[in-house]
Amino acid sequence: MLWLKIIVFIICLVLGILFLVKTERIVFTVGHNSWAEKYLGAGGSYTMWKLIALFTFIFGIMFLWGKFDFVFGW
């Protein structure tokens, strides 16, 4: 079970890094998000993707440390 946690953590780590490094390319590909632009201000789409990267990192770390065991039943 530890191997699964490590694999999920590595996937989250890689996705988070890709979201941070390729933010401009992601926004160019999927377009600007009107909700993010409205509530996060100018450049809100870029901020939204950086926040998604941060939450992906946090999720990966919490999953590795076993903070979601009660949800998944492991």
N, C-alpha and C. Protein backbone atom coordinates (compact mmCIF):
# COMPACT_ATOMS: atom_id res chain seq x y z
N MET A 1 0.82 -1.20 0.00
CA MET A 1 0.00 0.00 0.00
C MET A 1 0.86 1.26 0.00
N LEU A 2 2.04 1.16 0.60
CA LEU A 2 2.94 2.30 0.61
C LEU A 2 3.39 2.66 -0.80
N TRP A 3 3.58 1.64 -1.64
CA TRP A 3 3.99 1.91 -3.02
C TRP A 3 2.94 2.71 -3.78
N LEU A 4 1.67 2.40 -3.53
CA LEU A 4 0.60 3.15 -4.18
C LEU A 4 0.63 4.61 -3.73
N LYS A 5 0.84 4.83 -2.45
CA LYS A 5 0.91 6.20 -1.94
C LYS A 5 2.09 6.96 -2.55
N ILE A 6 3.21 6.29 -2.68
CA ILE A 6 4.38 6.93 -3.28
C ILE A 6 4.14 7.25 -4.74
N ILE A 7 3.51 6.34 -5.47
CA ILE A 7 3.22 6.58 -6.89
C ILE A 7 2.25 7.74 -7.06
N VAL A 8 1.21 7.79 -6.23
CA VAL A 8 0.24 8.90 -6.30
C VAL A 8 0.94 10.21 -5.96
N PHE A 9 1.82 10.20 -4.96
CA PHE A 9 2.56 11.40 -4.59
C PHE A 9 3.43 11.89 -5.75
N ILE A 10 4.13 10.97 -6.41
CA ILE A 10 4.99 11.35 -7.53
C ILE A 10 4.15 11.92 -8.68
N ILE A 11 3.00 11.32 -8.94
CA ILE A 11 2.12 11.83 -9.99
C ILE A 11 1.64 13.24 -9.65
N CYS A 12 1.24 13.46 -8.40
CA CYS A 12 0.80 14.79 -7.97
C CYS A 12 1.94 15.79 -8.04
N LEU A 13 3.13 15.36 -7.67
CA LEU A 13 4.29 16.24 -7.73
C LEU A 13 4.57 16.66 -9.17
N VAL A 14 4.56 15.70 -10.08
CA VAL A 14 4.83 16.00 -11.49
C VAL A 14 3.74 16.90 -12.07
N LEU A 15 2.47 16.60 -11.76
CA LEU A 15 1.38 17.45 -12.25
C LEU A 15 1.48 18.87 -11.70
N GLY A 16 1.80 19.00 -10.43
CA GLY A 16 1.95 20.32 -9.84
C GLY A 16 3.06 21.12 -10.48
N ILE A 17 4.18 20.47 -10.73
CA ILE A 17 5.30 21.15 -11.38
C ILE A 17 4.92 21.55 -12.81
N LEU A 18 4.24 20.66 -13.52
CA LEU A 18 3.82 21.00 -14.89
C LEU A 18 2.84 22.17 -14.90
N PHE A 19 1.91 22.18 -13.93
CA PHE A 19 0.97 23.30 -13.84
C PHE A 19 1.71 24.62 -13.58
N LEU A 20 2.74 24.58 -12.75
CA LEU A 20 3.50 25.80 -12.46
C LEU A 20 4.34 26.26 -13.65
N VAL A 21 5.01 25.32 -14.28
CA VAL A 21 5.94 25.67 -15.36
C VAL A 21 5.19 26.03 -16.64
N LYS A 22 4.13 25.34 -16.93
CA LYS A 22 3.42 25.51 -18.20
C LYS A 22 2.10 26.28 -18.05
N THR A 23 2.02 27.16 -17.07
CA THR A 23 0.78 27.90 -16.83
C THR A 23 0.36 28.70 -18.06
N GLU A 24 1.31 29.39 -18.66
CA GLU A 24 0.97 30.22 -19.83
C GLU A 24 0.47 29.36 -20.99
N ARG A 25 1.09 28.23 -21.19
CA ARG A 25 0.67 27.33 -22.28
C ARG A 25 -0.71 26.74 -22.01
N ILE A 26 -0.99 26.42 -20.74
CA ILE A 26 -2.30 25.88 -20.37
C ILE A 26 -3.39 26.91 -20.63
N VAL A 27 -3.14 28.15 -20.21
CA VAL A 27 -4.14 29.20 -20.42
C VAL A 27 -4.32 29.46 -21.91
N PHE A 28 -3.24 29.41 -22.67
CA PHE A 28 -3.34 29.60 -24.11
C PHE A 28 -4.16 28.48 -24.75
N THR A 29 -4.01 27.26 -24.24
CA THR A 29 -4.70 26.10 -24.82
C THR A 29 -6.17 26.07 -24.44
N VAL A 30 -6.48 26.21 -23.15
CA VAL A 30 -7.86 26.07 -22.70
C VAL A 30 -8.61 27.40 -22.65
N GLY A 31 -7.91 28.50 -22.74
CA GLY A 31 -8.54 29.81 -22.73
C GLY A 31 -8.65 30.39 -21.32
N HIS A 32 -9.06 31.63 -21.28
CA HIS A 32 -9.19 32.32 -19.99
C HIS A 32 -10.48 31.88 -19.31
N ASN A 33 -10.42 31.80 -18.00
CA ASN A 33 -11.55 31.40 -17.19
C ASN A 33 -12.25 32.67 -16.71
N SER A 34 -13.52 32.85 -17.07
CA SER A 34 -14.22 34.08 -16.72
C SER A 34 -14.43 34.21 -15.22
N TRP A 35 -14.67 33.08 -14.54
CA TRP A 35 -14.85 33.13 -13.09
C TRP A 35 -13.57 33.61 -12.41
N ALA A 36 -12.44 33.07 -12.83
CA ALA A 36 -11.16 33.44 -12.24
C ALA A 36 -10.83 34.89 -12.54
N GLU A 37 -11.11 35.34 -13.75
CA GLU A 37 -10.84 36.72 -14.11
C GLU A 37 -11.72 37.69 -13.30
N LYS A 38 -12.93 37.26 -13.01
CA LYS A 38 -13.86 38.13 -12.26
C LYS A 38 -13.46 38.21 -10.79
N TYR A 39 -13.17 37.06 -10.16
CA TYR A 39 -12.97 37.05 -8.71
C TYR A 39 -11.51 37.13 -8.28
N LEU A 40 -10.58 36.79 -9.16
CA LEU A 40 -9.17 36.87 -8.81
C LEU A 40 -8.48 38.08 -9.45
N GLY A 41 -9.22 38.86 -10.20
CA GLY A 41 -8.66 40.07 -10.80
C GLY A 41 -8.00 39.79 -12.14
N ALA A 42 -7.28 40.81 -12.62
CA ALA A 42 -6.60 40.68 -13.90
C ALA A 42 -5.54 39.59 -13.80
N GLY A 43 -5.49 38.74 -14.78
CA GLY A 43 -4.57 37.61 -14.74
C GLY A 43 -5.05 36.50 -13.84
N GLY A 44 -6.33 36.46 -13.56
CA GLY A 44 -6.89 35.47 -12.64
C GLY A 44 -6.78 34.05 -13.14
N SER A 45 -6.78 33.86 -14.44
CA SER A 45 -6.65 32.51 -14.98
C SER A 45 -5.28 31.92 -14.64
N TYR A 46 -4.25 32.75 -14.72
CA TYR A 46 -2.91 32.30 -14.37
C TYR A 46 -2.83 31.98 -12.88
N THR A 47 -3.43 32.83 -12.07
CA THR A 47 -3.45 32.61 -10.63
C THR A 47 -4.22 31.33 -10.30
N MET A 48 -5.32 31.09 -10.99
CA MET A 48 -6.11 29.88 -10.75
C MET A 48 -5.28 28.63 -11.00
N TRP A 49 -4.51 28.60 -12.09
CA TRP A 49 -3.70 27.42 -12.39
C TRP A 49 -2.57 27.26 -11.39
N LYS A 50 -2.04 28.35 -10.88
CA LYS A 50 -1.00 28.24 -9.85
C LYS A 50 -1.59 27.74 -8.54
N LEU A 51 -2.82 28.15 -8.23
CA LEU A 51 -3.49 27.63 -7.03
C LEU A 51 -3.82 26.14 -7.19
N ILE A 52 -4.22 25.74 -8.39
CA ILE A 52 -4.47 24.32 -8.64
C ILE A 52 -3.18 23.52 -8.44
N ALA A 53 -2.06 24.07 -8.88
CA ALA A 53 -0.77 23.39 -8.68
C ALA A 53 -0.46 23.27 -7.19
N LEU A 54 -0.72 24.33 -6.43
CA LEU A 54 -0.48 24.29 -4.98
C LEU A 54 -1.36 23.25 -4.31
N PHE A 55 -2.64 23.19 -4.66
CA PHE A 55 -3.54 22.21 -4.08
C PHE A 55 -3.15 20.78 -4.49
N THR A 56 -2.61 20.63 -5.69
CA THR A 56 -2.14 19.32 -6.13
C THR A 56 -0.96 18.87 -5.29
N PHE A 57 -0.03 19.79 -5.01
CA PHE A 57 1.09 19.48 -4.12
C PHE A 57 0.58 19.06 -2.74
N ILE A 58 -0.31 19.86 -2.19
CA ILE A 58 -0.83 19.60 -0.85
C ILE A 58 -1.56 18.27 -0.80
N PHE A 59 -2.37 17.98 -1.81
CA PHE A 59 -3.08 16.71 -1.86
C PHE A 59 -2.10 15.55 -1.90
N GLY A 60 -1.05 15.66 -2.71
CA GLY A 60 -0.06 14.59 -2.82
C GLY A 60 0.65 14.34 -1.50
N ILE A 61 1.02 15.40 -0.81
CA ILE A 61 1.70 15.25 0.48
C ILE A 61 0.76 14.65 1.52
N MET A 62 -0.47 15.14 1.57
CA MET A 62 -1.42 14.60 2.54
C MET A 62 -1.76 13.14 2.24
N PHE A 63 -1.84 12.79 0.98
CA PHE A 63 -2.11 11.40 0.62
C PHE A 63 -0.94 10.50 1.02
N LEU A 64 0.28 10.98 0.83
CA LEU A 64 1.46 10.21 1.20
C LEU A 64 1.52 9.99 2.70
N TRP A 65 1.18 11.02 3.48
CA TRP A 65 1.23 10.92 4.95
C TRP A 65 0.04 10.20 5.54
N GLY A 66 -0.94 9.82 4.70
CA GLY A 66 -2.07 9.04 5.18
C GLY A 66 -3.20 9.85 5.77
N LYS A 67 -3.34 11.09 5.39
CA LYS A 67 -4.40 11.93 5.93
C LYS A 67 -5.76 11.66 5.29
N PHE A 68 -5.78 10.88 4.20
CA PHE A 68 -7.04 10.55 3.53
C PHE A 68 -7.42 9.09 3.72
N ASP A 69 -6.79 8.42 4.66
CA ASP A 69 -7.09 7.00 4.88
C ASP A 69 -8.53 6.78 5.30
N PHE A 70 -9.09 7.71 6.04
CA PHE A 70 -10.49 7.56 6.47
C PHE A 70 -11.45 7.68 5.29
N VAL A 71 -11.04 8.36 4.24
CA VAL A 71 -11.91 8.54 3.07
C VAL A 71 -11.85 7.29 2.19
N PHE A 72 -10.66 6.78 1.96
CA PHE A 72 -10.48 5.66 1.05
C PHE A 72 -10.59 4.31 1.76
N GLY A 73 -10.60 4.30 3.07
CA GLY A 73 -10.78 3.07 3.82
C GLY A 73 -9.56 2.17 3.86
N TRP A 74 -8.35 2.73 3.73
CA TRP A 74 -7.14 1.92 3.76
C TRP A 74 -6.62 1.94 5.16
